[in-house]
Amino acid sequence: MAVHLTFAALGDPTRRALVERLTRGEATVSELAVPHDMSLPAVTKHLRVLEDAGLLTRRKRGRTVVCSLNRAPLAEAESWLIDRQRLWSANLDRLERFLIEERDA
């Protein structure tokens, strides 16, 4: 799954709250909607974005839809961030060495 989809999906505070809730275990769409001041169709749209990004899966249990978190895209995003952090740390270390050499020259 593309990391940019994960970041795009997590760019919205409502979707981040939904993901945060799902870190504690699966939940029905109705349970996920309770803390949000919006209609059930609006929550469903947010869930669709998360599902399209691969962050959640839905399954039917009778007439109820149950959502579960898929952690793999979060791990991919974390890995991408760690790589960027290493890159920037290395660049800043080189800049620091350069500035010290310039100062001491």
N, C-alpha and C. Protein backbone atom coordinates (compact mmCIF):
# COMPACT_ATOMS: atom_id res chain seq x y z
N MET A 1 0.84 -1.18 0.00
CA MET A 1 0.00 0.00 0.00
C MET A 1 0.89 1.24 0.00
N ALA A 2 0.46 2.27 -0.66
CA ALA A 2 1.25 3.49 -0.78
C ALA A 2 1.19 4.30 0.51
N VAL A 3 2.36 4.73 0.95
CA VAL A 3 2.47 5.49 2.19
C VAL A 3 1.69 6.80 2.08
N HIS A 4 1.65 7.39 0.90
CA HIS A 4 0.95 8.68 0.78
C HIS A 4 -0.54 8.53 1.09
N LEU A 5 -1.13 7.37 0.82
CA LEU A 5 -2.53 7.15 1.16
C LEU A 5 -2.72 7.11 2.68
N THR A 6 -1.77 6.53 3.38
CA THR A 6 -1.84 6.49 4.83
C THR A 6 -1.79 7.90 5.40
N PHE A 7 -0.82 8.70 4.94
CA PHE A 7 -0.71 10.06 5.45
C PHE A 7 -1.92 10.90 5.07
N ALA A 8 -2.43 10.73 3.87
CA ALA A 8 -3.63 11.48 3.46
C ALA A 8 -4.82 11.11 4.35
N ALA A 9 -4.98 9.82 4.62
CA ALA A 9 -6.09 9.38 5.45
C ALA A 9 -5.95 9.91 6.88
N LEU A 10 -4.73 9.93 7.38
CA LEU A 10 -4.49 10.37 8.76
C LEU A 10 -4.42 11.89 8.89
N GLY A 11 -4.53 12.59 7.78
CA GLY A 11 -4.49 14.05 7.80
C GLY A 11 -5.72 14.68 8.42
N ASP A 12 -6.75 13.91 8.62
CA ASP A 12 -8.00 14.42 9.17
C ASP A 12 -8.12 14.01 10.64
N PRO A 13 -8.44 14.94 11.54
CA PRO A 13 -8.51 14.60 12.96
C PRO A 13 -9.58 13.56 13.30
N THR A 14 -10.69 13.56 12.58
CA THR A 14 -11.72 12.55 12.84
C THR A 14 -11.19 11.17 12.49
N ARG A 15 -10.50 11.05 11.37
CA ARG A 15 -9.95 9.73 10.99
C ARG A 15 -8.86 9.29 11.95
N ARG A 16 -8.05 10.24 12.43
CA ARG A 16 -7.04 9.86 13.43
C ARG A 16 -7.71 9.35 14.70
N ALA A 17 -8.81 9.98 15.10
CA ALA A 17 -9.54 9.53 16.29
C ALA A 17 -10.13 8.14 16.07
N LEU A 18 -10.64 7.89 14.88
CA LEU A 18 -11.17 6.56 14.57
C LEU A 18 -10.08 5.50 14.63
N VAL A 19 -8.92 5.81 14.08
CA VAL A 19 -7.79 4.87 14.13
C VAL A 19 -7.37 4.66 15.58
N GLU A 20 -7.29 5.75 16.33
CA GLU A 20 -6.91 5.64 17.75
C GLU A 20 -7.88 4.71 18.48
N ARG A 21 -9.17 4.86 18.24
CA ARG A 21 -10.15 3.98 18.87
C ARG A 21 -9.94 2.53 18.46
N LEU A 22 -9.64 2.30 17.19
CA LEU A 22 -9.45 0.93 16.71
C LEU A 22 -8.17 0.29 17.23
N THR A 23 -7.24 1.08 17.74
CA THR A 23 -6.04 0.48 18.35
C THR A 23 -6.39 -0.30 19.60
N ARG A 24 -7.56 -0.01 20.18
CA ARG A 24 -8.00 -0.71 21.39
C ARG A 24 -8.84 -1.95 21.07
N GLY A 25 -9.07 -2.21 19.78
CA GLY A 25 -9.83 -3.39 19.39
C GLY A 25 -10.92 -3.05 18.40
N GLU A 26 -11.50 -4.08 17.83
CA GLU A 26 -12.52 -3.88 16.81
C GLU A 26 -13.75 -3.19 17.40
N ALA A 27 -14.52 -2.55 16.51
CA ALA A 27 -15.72 -1.84 16.93
C ALA A 27 -16.71 -1.80 15.78
N THR A 28 -17.97 -1.69 16.13
CA THR A 28 -18.99 -1.53 15.09
C THR A 28 -18.97 -0.10 14.58
N VAL A 29 -19.55 0.10 13.42
CA VAL A 29 -19.64 1.45 12.86
C VAL A 29 -20.40 2.35 13.83
N SER A 30 -21.46 1.85 14.42
CA SER A 30 -22.24 2.65 15.38
C SER A 30 -21.40 3.02 16.60
N GLU A 31 -20.62 2.09 17.10
CA GLU A 31 -19.75 2.39 18.25
C GLU A 31 -18.71 3.45 17.89
N LEU A 32 -18.17 3.36 16.68
CA LEU A 32 -17.17 4.33 16.24
C LEU A 32 -17.79 5.72 16.08
N ALA A 33 -19.06 5.77 15.73
CA ALA A 33 -19.73 7.06 15.48
C ALA A 33 -20.08 7.80 16.75
N VAL A 34 -20.28 7.08 17.86
CA VAL A 34 -20.79 7.70 19.09
C VAL A 34 -20.05 8.96 19.52
N PRO A 35 -18.71 8.97 19.62
CA PRO A 35 -18.05 10.17 20.15
C PRO A 35 -17.99 11.36 19.18
N HIS A 36 -18.45 11.17 17.96
CA HIS A 36 -18.32 12.22 16.95
C HIS A 36 -19.65 12.92 16.72
N ASP A 37 -19.59 14.23 16.65
CA ASP A 37 -20.79 15.04 16.43
C ASP A 37 -21.05 15.15 14.93
N MET A 38 -21.42 14.00 14.34
CA MET A 38 -21.72 13.98 12.91
C MET A 38 -22.66 12.81 12.63
N SER A 39 -23.22 12.85 11.46
CA SER A 39 -24.17 11.80 11.08
C SER A 39 -23.44 10.48 10.83
N LEU A 40 -24.19 9.40 10.89
CA LEU A 40 -23.64 8.08 10.60
C LEU A 40 -23.09 8.02 9.17
N PRO A 41 -23.78 8.60 8.16
CA PRO A 41 -23.21 8.61 6.81
C PRO A 41 -21.87 9.35 6.74
N ALA A 42 -21.72 10.42 7.52
CA ALA A 42 -20.45 11.16 7.52
C ALA A 42 -19.33 10.30 8.11
N VAL A 43 -19.63 9.59 9.19
CA VAL A 43 -18.63 8.69 9.79
C VAL A 43 -18.29 7.59 8.81
N THR A 44 -19.30 7.08 8.12
CA THR A 44 -19.08 6.02 7.12
C THR A 44 -18.15 6.49 6.01
N LYS A 45 -18.27 7.75 5.61
CA LYS A 45 -17.35 8.29 4.59
C LYS A 45 -15.91 8.31 5.10
N HIS A 46 -15.73 8.70 6.36
CA HIS A 46 -14.38 8.67 6.95
C HIS A 46 -13.84 7.25 7.00
N LEU A 47 -14.69 6.31 7.35
CA LEU A 47 -14.27 4.91 7.40
C LEU A 47 -13.89 4.41 6.01
N ARG A 48 -14.60 4.86 4.99
CA ARG A 48 -14.28 4.46 3.61
C ARG A 48 -12.88 4.95 3.24
N VAL A 49 -12.54 6.17 3.62
CA VAL A 49 -11.19 6.70 3.33
C VAL A 49 -10.14 5.83 4.02
N LEU A 50 -10.39 5.50 5.27
CA LEU A 50 -9.45 4.64 6.00
C LEU A 50 -9.35 3.25 5.36
N GLU A 51 -10.48 2.74 4.92
CA GLU A 51 -10.48 1.43 4.26
C GLU A 51 -9.74 1.50 2.93
N ASP A 52 -9.97 2.55 2.15
CA ASP A 52 -9.28 2.71 0.87
C ASP A 52 -7.77 2.83 1.04
N ALA A 53 -7.36 3.38 2.18
CA ALA A 53 -5.93 3.49 2.48
C ALA A 53 -5.37 2.20 3.06
N GLY A 54 -6.23 1.21 3.27
CA GLY A 54 -5.79 -0.06 3.81
C GLY A 54 -5.65 -0.09 5.31
N LEU A 55 -6.12 0.96 5.99
CA LEU A 55 -5.95 1.05 7.43
C LEU A 55 -7.01 0.29 8.22
N LEU A 56 -8.11 -0.04 7.59
CA LEU A 56 -9.10 -0.83 8.31
C LEU A 56 -9.77 -1.82 7.38
N THR A 57 -10.31 -2.83 8.01
CA THR A 57 -11.11 -3.82 7.29
C THR A 57 -12.48 -3.85 7.94
N ARG A 58 -13.48 -4.16 7.12
CA ARG A 58 -14.85 -4.28 7.62
C ARG A 58 -15.33 -5.69 7.34
N ARG A 59 -16.17 -6.18 8.23
CA ARG A 59 -16.82 -7.46 8.00
C ARG A 59 -18.22 -7.39 8.59
N LYS A 60 -19.09 -8.15 8.00
CA LYS A 60 -20.48 -8.19 8.47
C LYS A 60 -20.61 -9.26 9.54
N ARG A 61 -21.30 -8.90 10.61
CA ARG A 61 -21.67 -9.84 11.65
C ARG A 61 -23.19 -9.68 11.82
N GLY A 62 -23.92 -10.51 11.10
CA GLY A 62 -25.37 -10.33 11.02
C GLY A 62 -25.66 -9.08 10.22
N ARG A 63 -26.40 -8.17 10.83
CA ARG A 63 -26.69 -6.90 10.15
C ARG A 63 -25.73 -5.79 10.59
N THR A 64 -24.78 -6.14 11.43
CA THR A 64 -23.83 -5.17 11.98
C THR A 64 -22.51 -5.23 11.22
N VAL A 65 -21.94 -4.07 10.96
CA VAL A 65 -20.63 -3.98 10.32
C VAL A 65 -19.59 -3.73 11.41
N VAL A 66 -18.58 -4.61 11.46
CA VAL A 66 -17.52 -4.52 12.46
C VAL A 66 -16.23 -4.09 11.75
N CYS A 67 -15.54 -3.13 12.33
CA CYS A 67 -14.29 -2.61 11.76
C CYS A 67 -13.11 -3.05 12.61
N SER A 68 -12.01 -3.36 11.95
CA SER A 68 -10.76 -3.73 12.61
C SER A 68 -9.63 -2.93 12.00
N LEU A 69 -8.64 -2.62 12.80
CA LEU A 69 -7.47 -1.88 12.34
C LEU A 69 -6.49 -2.81 11.65
N ASN A 70 -5.99 -2.38 10.51
CA ASN A 70 -4.90 -3.06 9.82
C ASN A 70 -3.65 -2.24 10.10
N ARG A 71 -2.74 -2.77 10.88
CA ARG A 71 -1.57 -2.01 11.33
C ARG A 71 -0.45 -1.94 10.29
N ALA A 72 -0.50 -2.76 9.25
CA ALA A 72 0.60 -2.79 8.28
C ALA A 72 0.87 -1.43 7.63
N PRO A 73 -0.15 -0.69 7.18
CA PRO A 73 0.15 0.63 6.60
C PRO A 73 0.76 1.60 7.62
N LEU A 74 0.39 1.47 8.88
CA LEU A 74 0.99 2.32 9.91
C LEU A 74 2.47 1.98 10.08
N ALA A 75 2.79 0.70 10.01
CA ALA A 75 4.19 0.28 10.11
C ALA A 75 5.00 0.79 8.92
N GLU A 76 4.39 0.76 7.73
CA GLU A 76 5.07 1.28 6.54
C GLU A 76 5.31 2.78 6.67
N ALA A 77 4.32 3.51 7.18
CA ALA A 77 4.47 4.96 7.37
C ALA A 77 5.55 5.25 8.42
N GLU A 78 5.56 4.46 9.48
CA GLU A 78 6.58 4.64 10.51
C GLU A 78 7.97 4.40 9.93
N SER A 79 8.11 3.36 9.13
CA SER A 79 9.39 3.05 8.49
C SER A 79 9.83 4.21 7.59
N TRP A 80 8.89 4.76 6.84
CA TRP A 80 9.20 5.89 5.96
C TRP A 80 9.68 7.08 6.79
N LEU A 81 9.01 7.36 7.90
CA LEU A 81 9.40 8.48 8.76
C LEU A 81 10.77 8.25 9.38
N ILE A 82 11.04 7.02 9.78
CA ILE A 82 12.35 6.71 10.36
C ILE A 82 13.45 6.91 9.32
N ASP A 83 13.19 6.49 8.09
CA ASP A 83 14.17 6.71 7.01
C ASP A 83 14.43 8.19 6.80
N ARG A 84 13.36 9.00 6.80
CA ARG A 84 13.53 10.45 6.63
C ARG A 84 14.31 11.04 7.78
N GLN A 85 14.02 10.56 8.99
CA GLN A 85 14.72 11.06 10.17
C GLN A 85 16.22 10.76 10.08
N ARG A 86 16.55 9.56 9.64
CA ARG A 86 17.96 9.19 9.47
C ARG A 86 18.63 10.08 8.42
N LEU A 87 17.93 10.30 7.32
CA LEU A 87 18.47 11.14 6.25
C LEU A 87 18.74 12.55 6.76
N TRP A 88 17.75 13.14 7.44
CA TRP A 88 17.92 14.51 7.94
C TRP A 88 18.98 14.58 9.02
N SER A 89 19.06 13.57 9.87
CA SER A 89 20.10 13.56 10.90
C SER A 89 21.48 13.51 10.26
N ALA A 90 21.63 12.69 9.25
CA ALA A 90 22.93 12.61 8.55
C ALA A 90 23.26 13.94 7.88
N ASN A 91 22.27 14.55 7.24
CA ASN A 91 22.50 15.85 6.59
C ASN A 91 22.86 16.92 7.61
N LEU A 92 22.18 16.94 8.72
CA LEU A 92 22.47 17.94 9.75
C LEU A 92 23.84 17.69 10.39
N ASP A 93 24.21 16.43 10.54
CA ASP A 93 25.55 16.11 11.05
C ASP A 93 26.62 16.63 10.10
N ARG A 94 26.41 16.43 8.79
CA ARG A 94 27.37 16.94 7.80
C ARG A 94 27.43 18.46 7.84
N LEU A 95 26.29 19.10 7.97
CA LEU A 95 26.25 20.56 8.05
C LEU A 95 26.99 21.04 9.29
N GLU A 96 26.79 20.37 10.41
CA GLU A 96 27.47 20.75 11.64
C GLU A 96 28.99 20.63 11.47
N ARG A 97 29.45 19.53 10.88
CA ARG A 97 30.89 19.36 10.66
C ARG A 97 31.44 20.45 9.75
N PHE A 98 30.70 20.77 8.70
CA PHE A 98 31.11 21.82 7.78
C PHE A 98 31.22 23.16 8.51
N LEU A 99 30.23 23.50 9.30
CA LEU A 99 30.24 24.78 10.00
C LEU A 99 31.37 24.86 11.01
N ILE A 100 31.66 23.75 11.67
CA ILE A 100 32.79 23.73 12.62
C ILE A 100 34.09 23.92 11.87
N GLU A 101 34.25 23.23 10.74
CA GLU A 101 35.47 23.38 9.94
C GLU A 101 35.62 24.81 9.42
N GLU A 102 34.53 25.41 8.99
CA GLU A 102 34.57 26.80 8.51
C GLU A 102 34.94 27.76 9.64
N ARG A 103 34.37 27.54 10.81
CA ARG A 103 34.66 28.39 11.95
C ARG A 103 36.12 28.27 12.37
N ASP A 104 36.64 27.05 12.34
CA ASP A 104 38.01 26.79 12.80
C ASP A 104 39.06 27.10 11.73
N ALA A 105 38.63 27.34 10.51
CA ALA A 105 39.60 27.59 9.43
C ALA A 105 40.14 29.00 9.46
